[in-house]
């Protein structure tokens, strides 16, 4: 699993919330995220904006609220506007902690 898995889960959550894969609402504030440049190591960066209002012509006004950073293995390091407990639901399950049947069997034969 990797950052792309986490981003896919994030998009699905946003679609469920707003119908758009990059928009969600938290505590009465509407947010929008954009992916920036990824690093050579696979770190995903981006910007998070919040809806500040609507101008006289009806155009939405978005201002920078913070940023996003997702590690190459899928852990969210920072994502402004999404509570940590919700962020965790997007991340892949750590496969390293699962005990393999062979390891369990070997432990009994020591």
N, C-alpha and C. Protein backbone atom coordinates (compact mmCIF):
# COMPACT_ATOMS: atom_id res chain seq x y z
N UNK A 1 0.84 -1.18 0.00
CA UNK A 1 0.00 0.00 0.00
C UNK A 1 0.89 1.24 0.00
N UNK A 2 0.33 2.32 -0.55
CA UNK A 2 1.15 3.51 -0.65
C UNK A 2 0.29 4.77 -0.60
N UNK A 3 0.92 5.88 -0.92
CA UNK A 3 0.23 7.17 -0.87
C UNK A 3 -0.95 7.21 -1.84
N UNK A 4 -0.85 6.53 -2.96
CA UNK A 4 -1.95 6.53 -3.94
C UNK A 4 -3.20 5.88 -3.35
N UNK A 5 -3.01 4.84 -2.55
CA UNK A 5 -4.14 4.19 -1.87
C UNK A 5 -4.83 5.19 -0.94
N UNK A 6 -4.02 5.90 -0.15
CA UNK A 6 -4.55 6.90 0.78
C UNK A 6 -5.31 7.99 0.02
N UNK A 7 -4.74 8.46 -1.08
CA UNK A 7 -5.40 9.50 -1.88
C UNK A 7 -6.73 8.99 -2.46
N UNK A 8 -6.76 7.74 -2.89
CA UNK A 8 -8.00 7.18 -3.42
C UNK A 8 -9.07 7.14 -2.34
N UNK A 9 -8.71 6.73 -1.12
CA UNK A 9 -9.66 6.70 -0.02
C UNK A 9 -10.15 8.10 0.33
N UNK A 10 -9.24 9.06 0.30
CA UNK A 10 -9.59 10.47 0.54
C UNK A 10 -10.60 10.96 -0.49
N UNK A 11 -10.34 10.67 -1.75
CA UNK A 11 -11.25 11.10 -2.83
C UNK A 11 -12.64 10.50 -2.65
N UNK A 12 -12.69 9.22 -2.31
CA UNK A 12 -13.99 8.57 -2.11
C UNK A 12 -14.76 9.21 -0.95
N UNK A 13 -14.04 9.55 0.12
CA UNK A 13 -14.66 10.21 1.28
C UNK A 13 -15.20 11.59 0.88
N UNK A 14 -14.41 12.34 0.12
CA UNK A 14 -14.86 13.66 -0.32
C UNK A 14 -16.09 13.55 -1.22
N UNK A 15 -16.08 12.59 -2.14
CA UNK A 15 -17.23 12.40 -3.03
C UNK A 15 -18.48 12.09 -2.22
N UNK A 16 -18.32 11.26 -1.20
CA UNK A 16 -19.46 10.91 -0.34
C UNK A 16 -19.98 12.15 0.39
N UNK A 17 -19.08 13.02 0.80
CA UNK A 17 -19.47 14.23 1.52
C UNK A 17 -20.07 15.31 0.64
N UNK A 18 -19.43 15.55 -0.52
CA UNK A 18 -19.79 16.73 -1.31
C UNK A 18 -20.15 16.47 -2.77
N UNK A 19 -19.85 15.27 -3.24
CA UNK A 19 -20.05 15.00 -4.66
C UNK A 19 -18.84 15.38 -5.50
N UNK A 20 -17.81 15.93 -4.88
CA UNK A 20 -16.58 16.35 -5.56
C UNK A 20 -15.40 15.68 -4.85
N UNK A 21 -14.45 15.13 -5.60
CA UNK A 21 -13.34 14.39 -4.98
C UNK A 21 -12.32 15.25 -4.26
N UNK A 22 -12.47 16.57 -4.31
CA UNK A 22 -11.51 17.44 -3.65
C UNK A 22 -12.13 18.41 -2.65
N UNK A 23 -13.41 18.27 -2.36
CA UNK A 23 -14.09 19.21 -1.47
C UNK A 23 -14.77 18.47 -0.32
N UNK A 24 -14.67 19.04 0.89
CA UNK A 24 -15.36 18.49 2.06
C UNK A 24 -15.68 19.63 3.02
N UNK A 25 -16.52 19.36 4.00
CA UNK A 25 -16.88 20.35 5.00
C UNK A 25 -16.56 19.79 6.38
N UNK A 26 -15.99 20.63 7.24
CA UNK A 26 -15.68 20.26 8.61
C UNK A 26 -16.00 21.45 9.50
N UNK A 27 -16.85 21.24 10.49
CA UNK A 27 -17.24 22.27 11.45
C UNK A 27 -17.72 23.55 10.75
N UNK A 28 -18.54 23.38 9.72
CA UNK A 28 -19.13 24.52 9.03
C UNK A 28 -18.23 25.21 8.01
N UNK A 29 -17.00 24.74 7.85
CA UNK A 29 -16.09 25.33 6.88
C UNK A 29 -15.92 24.38 5.70
N UNK A 30 -15.99 24.91 4.49
CA UNK A 30 -15.79 24.11 3.30
C UNK A 30 -14.34 24.22 2.86
N UNK A 31 -13.71 23.06 2.61
CA UNK A 31 -12.31 22.98 2.22
C UNK A 31 -12.16 22.38 0.83
N UNK A 32 -11.02 22.66 0.21
CA UNK A 32 -10.69 22.14 -1.11
C UNK A 32 -9.19 21.83 -1.11
N UNK A 33 -8.80 20.66 -1.59
CA UNK A 33 -7.37 20.33 -1.64
C UNK A 33 -6.90 20.17 -3.07
N UNK A 34 -5.65 20.49 -3.29
CA UNK A 34 -5.00 20.30 -4.58
C UNK A 34 -3.65 19.62 -4.37
N UNK A 35 -3.38 18.64 -5.19
CA UNK A 35 -2.10 17.94 -5.11
C UNK A 35 -1.03 18.82 -5.75
N UNK A 36 0.11 18.88 -5.08
CA UNK A 36 1.24 19.63 -5.61
C UNK A 36 2.24 18.67 -6.22
N UNK A 37 3.51 19.00 -6.12
CA UNK A 37 4.56 18.14 -6.66
C UNK A 37 4.91 17.06 -5.65
N UNK A 38 5.12 15.85 -6.16
CA UNK A 38 5.60 14.76 -5.32
C UNK A 38 7.12 14.82 -5.28
N UNK A 39 7.69 14.35 -4.19
CA UNK A 39 9.15 14.32 -4.09
C UNK A 39 9.69 13.06 -4.76
N UNK A 40 10.98 12.99 -4.93
CA UNK A 40 11.62 11.83 -5.54
C UNK A 40 11.41 10.57 -4.69
N UNK A 41 11.19 10.74 -3.40
CA UNK A 41 10.98 9.59 -2.51
C UNK A 41 9.53 9.14 -2.45
N UNK A 42 8.63 9.86 -3.13
CA UNK A 42 7.23 9.47 -3.15
C UNK A 42 6.34 10.24 -2.19
N UNK A 43 6.90 11.21 -1.49
CA UNK A 43 6.12 12.03 -0.57
C UNK A 43 5.17 12.92 -1.38
N UNK A 44 3.89 12.90 -1.03
CA UNK A 44 2.89 13.71 -1.72
C UNK A 44 2.67 15.00 -0.94
N UNK A 45 2.75 16.11 -1.64
CA UNK A 45 2.53 17.43 -1.05
C UNK A 45 1.34 18.09 -1.72
N UNK A 46 0.76 19.05 -1.04
CA UNK A 46 -0.33 19.79 -1.66
C UNK A 46 -0.77 20.94 -0.79
N UNK A 47 -1.76 21.66 -1.29
CA UNK A 47 -2.28 22.81 -0.57
C UNK A 47 -3.75 22.58 -0.25
N UNK A 48 -4.17 23.09 0.90
CA UNK A 48 -5.57 23.03 1.33
C UNK A 48 -6.08 24.47 1.41
N UNK A 49 -7.23 24.68 0.78
CA UNK A 49 -7.85 26.02 0.81
C UNK A 49 -9.22 25.92 1.47
N UNK A 50 -9.67 27.04 2.01
CA UNK A 50 -11.02 27.08 2.57
C UNK A 50 -11.83 28.16 1.86
N UNK A 51 -13.13 27.92 1.81
CA UNK A 51 -14.03 28.85 1.16
C UNK A 51 -14.23 30.05 2.07
N UNK A 52 -13.79 31.22 1.59
CA UNK A 52 -13.88 32.44 2.39
C UNK A 52 -15.16 33.20 2.12
N UNK A 53 -15.79 32.94 0.99
CA UNK A 53 -17.02 33.64 0.65
C UNK A 53 -17.29 33.58 -0.84
N UNK A 54 -18.27 34.35 -1.23
CA UNK A 54 -18.66 34.44 -2.64
C UNK A 54 -18.74 35.91 -3.00
N UNK A 55 -18.11 36.28 -4.11
CA UNK A 55 -18.10 37.70 -4.49
C UNK A 55 -19.44 38.09 -5.13
N UNK A 56 -19.55 39.36 -5.50
CA UNK A 56 -20.81 39.91 -6.03
C UNK A 56 -21.27 39.23 -7.31
N UNK A 57 -20.31 38.70 -8.07
CA UNK A 57 -20.67 38.03 -9.32
C UNK A 57 -20.99 36.55 -9.13
N UNK A 58 -20.89 36.08 -7.87
CA UNK A 58 -21.19 34.68 -7.56
C UNK A 58 -20.00 33.75 -7.61
N UNK A 59 -18.81 34.30 -7.82
CA UNK A 59 -17.59 33.49 -7.87
C UNK A 59 -17.11 33.17 -6.45
N UNK A 60 -16.73 31.90 -6.25
CA UNK A 60 -16.23 31.47 -4.94
C UNK A 60 -14.84 32.05 -4.68
N UNK A 61 -14.60 32.46 -3.44
CA UNK A 61 -13.30 33.00 -3.04
C UNK A 61 -12.65 31.98 -2.09
N UNK A 62 -11.54 31.39 -2.53
CA UNK A 62 -10.82 30.39 -1.74
C UNK A 62 -9.52 31.00 -1.24
N UNK A 63 -9.20 30.78 0.04
CA UNK A 63 -7.95 31.26 0.62
C UNK A 63 -7.18 30.06 1.19
N UNK A 64 -5.87 30.19 1.23
CA UNK A 64 -5.03 29.10 1.73
C UNK A 64 -5.30 28.88 3.21
N UNK A 65 -5.57 27.63 3.57
CA UNK A 65 -5.83 27.27 4.97
C UNK A 65 -4.67 26.47 5.55
N UNK A 66 -3.92 25.81 4.70
CA UNK A 66 -2.83 24.96 5.19
C UNK A 66 -2.30 24.08 4.07
N UNK A 67 -1.83 22.91 4.47
CA UNK A 67 -1.20 22.03 3.50
C UNK A 67 -1.50 20.57 3.80
N UNK A 68 -1.07 19.73 2.87
CA UNK A 68 -1.18 18.29 3.06
C UNK A 68 0.16 17.66 2.76
N UNK A 69 0.42 16.57 3.46
CA UNK A 69 1.65 15.82 3.26
C UNK A 69 1.35 14.36 3.57
N UNK A 70 1.57 13.49 2.59
CA UNK A 70 1.32 12.06 2.74
C UNK A 70 2.62 11.32 2.44
N UNK A 71 3.07 10.51 3.39
CA UNK A 71 4.30 9.75 3.21
C UNK A 71 4.13 8.70 2.12
N UNK A 72 5.23 8.27 1.54
CA UNK A 72 5.20 7.32 0.43
C UNK A 72 4.50 6.01 0.78
N UNK A 73 4.49 5.63 2.05
CA UNK A 73 3.84 4.39 2.47
C UNK A 73 2.36 4.60 2.82
N UNK A 74 1.86 5.86 2.70
CA UNK A 74 0.44 6.12 2.85
C UNK A 74 0.01 6.79 4.14
N UNK A 75 0.92 7.00 5.07
CA UNK A 75 0.57 7.67 6.31
C UNK A 75 0.40 9.17 6.07
N UNK A 76 -0.70 9.72 6.58
CA UNK A 76 -0.92 11.17 6.46
C UNK A 76 -0.11 11.86 7.54
N UNK A 77 0.82 12.69 7.12
CA UNK A 77 1.66 13.42 8.06
C UNK A 77 1.03 14.76 8.43
N UNK A 78 0.29 15.34 7.48
CA UNK A 78 -0.41 16.61 7.74
C UNK A 78 -1.53 16.74 6.72
N UNK A 79 -2.70 17.15 7.20
CA UNK A 79 -3.81 17.43 6.28
C UNK A 79 -4.74 18.40 6.98
N UNK A 80 -4.56 19.68 6.71
CA UNK A 80 -5.36 20.73 7.33
C UNK A 80 -6.85 20.53 7.03
N UNK A 81 -7.67 20.62 8.08
CA UNK A 81 -9.11 20.60 7.91
C UNK A 81 -9.77 19.24 8.03
N UNK A 82 -8.98 18.18 8.17
CA UNK A 82 -9.55 16.84 8.36
C UNK A 82 -9.07 16.33 9.72
N UNK A 83 -9.99 16.00 10.62
CA UNK A 83 -9.59 15.51 11.94
C UNK A 83 -8.73 14.25 11.85
N UNK A 84 -7.80 14.10 12.77
CA UNK A 84 -6.87 12.96 12.78
C UNK A 84 -7.57 11.62 12.77
N UNK A 85 -8.66 11.50 13.52
CA UNK A 85 -9.35 10.21 13.59
C UNK A 85 -9.95 9.83 12.23
N UNK A 86 -10.33 10.81 11.44
CA UNK A 86 -10.83 10.54 10.09
C UNK A 86 -9.67 10.26 9.15
N UNK A 87 -8.58 10.99 9.30
CA UNK A 87 -7.38 10.76 8.47
C UNK A 87 -6.93 9.30 8.56
N UNK A 88 -6.97 8.74 9.75
CA UNK A 88 -6.51 7.35 9.97
C UNK A 88 -7.32 6.35 9.15
N UNK A 89 -8.59 6.67 8.86
CA UNK A 89 -9.42 5.74 8.10
C UNK A 89 -9.01 5.66 6.63
N UNK A 90 -8.26 6.64 6.14
CA UNK A 90 -7.80 6.64 4.75
C UNK A 90 -6.52 5.82 4.58
N UNK A 91 -5.76 5.65 5.66
CA UNK A 91 -4.44 5.04 5.58
C UNK A 91 -4.52 3.53 5.46
N UNK A 92 -3.55 2.94 4.75
CA UNK A 92 -3.52 1.48 4.65
C UNK A 92 -3.21 0.85 6.00
N UNK A 93 -3.69 -0.37 6.21
CA UNK A 93 -3.40 -1.11 7.43
C UNK A 93 -1.96 -1.60 7.35
N UNK A 94 -1.23 -1.47 8.43
CA UNK A 94 0.17 -1.89 8.46
C UNK A 94 0.24 -3.42 8.41
N UNK A 95 0.76 -3.94 7.32
CA UNK A 95 0.85 -5.39 7.14
C UNK A 95 1.98 -6.01 7.95
N UNK A 96 2.92 -5.22 8.43
CA UNK A 96 4.07 -5.73 9.15
C UNK A 96 3.72 -6.31 10.51
N UNK A 97 2.63 -5.85 11.12
CA UNK A 97 2.29 -6.31 12.46
C UNK A 97 1.52 -7.63 12.46
N UNK A 98 1.05 -8.04 11.30
CA UNK A 98 0.31 -9.29 11.23
C UNK A 98 1.27 -10.47 11.35
N UNK A 99 0.94 -11.43 12.19
CA UNK A 99 1.77 -12.62 12.36
C UNK A 99 1.43 -13.62 11.27
N UNK A 100 2.44 -14.09 10.57
CA UNK A 100 2.25 -15.09 9.54
C UNK A 100 2.15 -16.46 10.18
N UNK A 101 1.36 -17.39 9.62
CA UNK A 101 1.21 -18.72 10.22
C UNK A 101 2.55 -19.43 10.42
N UNK A 102 3.50 -19.25 9.50
CA UNK A 102 4.81 -19.90 9.63
C UNK A 102 5.55 -19.37 10.86
N UNK A 103 5.45 -18.06 11.11
CA UNK A 103 6.13 -17.46 12.26
C UNK A 103 5.52 -17.99 13.55
N UNK A 104 4.22 -18.13 13.59
CA UNK A 104 3.55 -18.63 14.78
C UNK A 104 3.96 -20.07 15.04
N UNK A 105 4.03 -20.89 13.99
CA UNK A 105 4.42 -22.28 14.11
C UNK A 105 5.85 -22.40 14.59
N UNK A 106 6.76 -21.59 14.03
CA UNK A 106 8.17 -21.63 14.41
C UNK A 106 8.35 -21.29 15.89
N UNK A 107 7.53 -20.41 16.42
CA UNK A 107 7.65 -20.01 17.82
C UNK A 107 7.42 -21.21 18.74
N UNK A 108 6.56 -22.16 18.35
CA UNK A 108 6.29 -23.31 19.17
C UNK A 108 7.37 -24.39 19.06
N UNK A 109 8.19 -24.32 18.01
CA UNK A 109 9.22 -25.33 17.79
C UNK A 109 10.59 -24.88 18.26
N UNK A 110 10.68 -23.92 19.10
CA UNK A 110 11.98 -23.42 19.56
C UNK A 110 12.50 -24.29 20.68
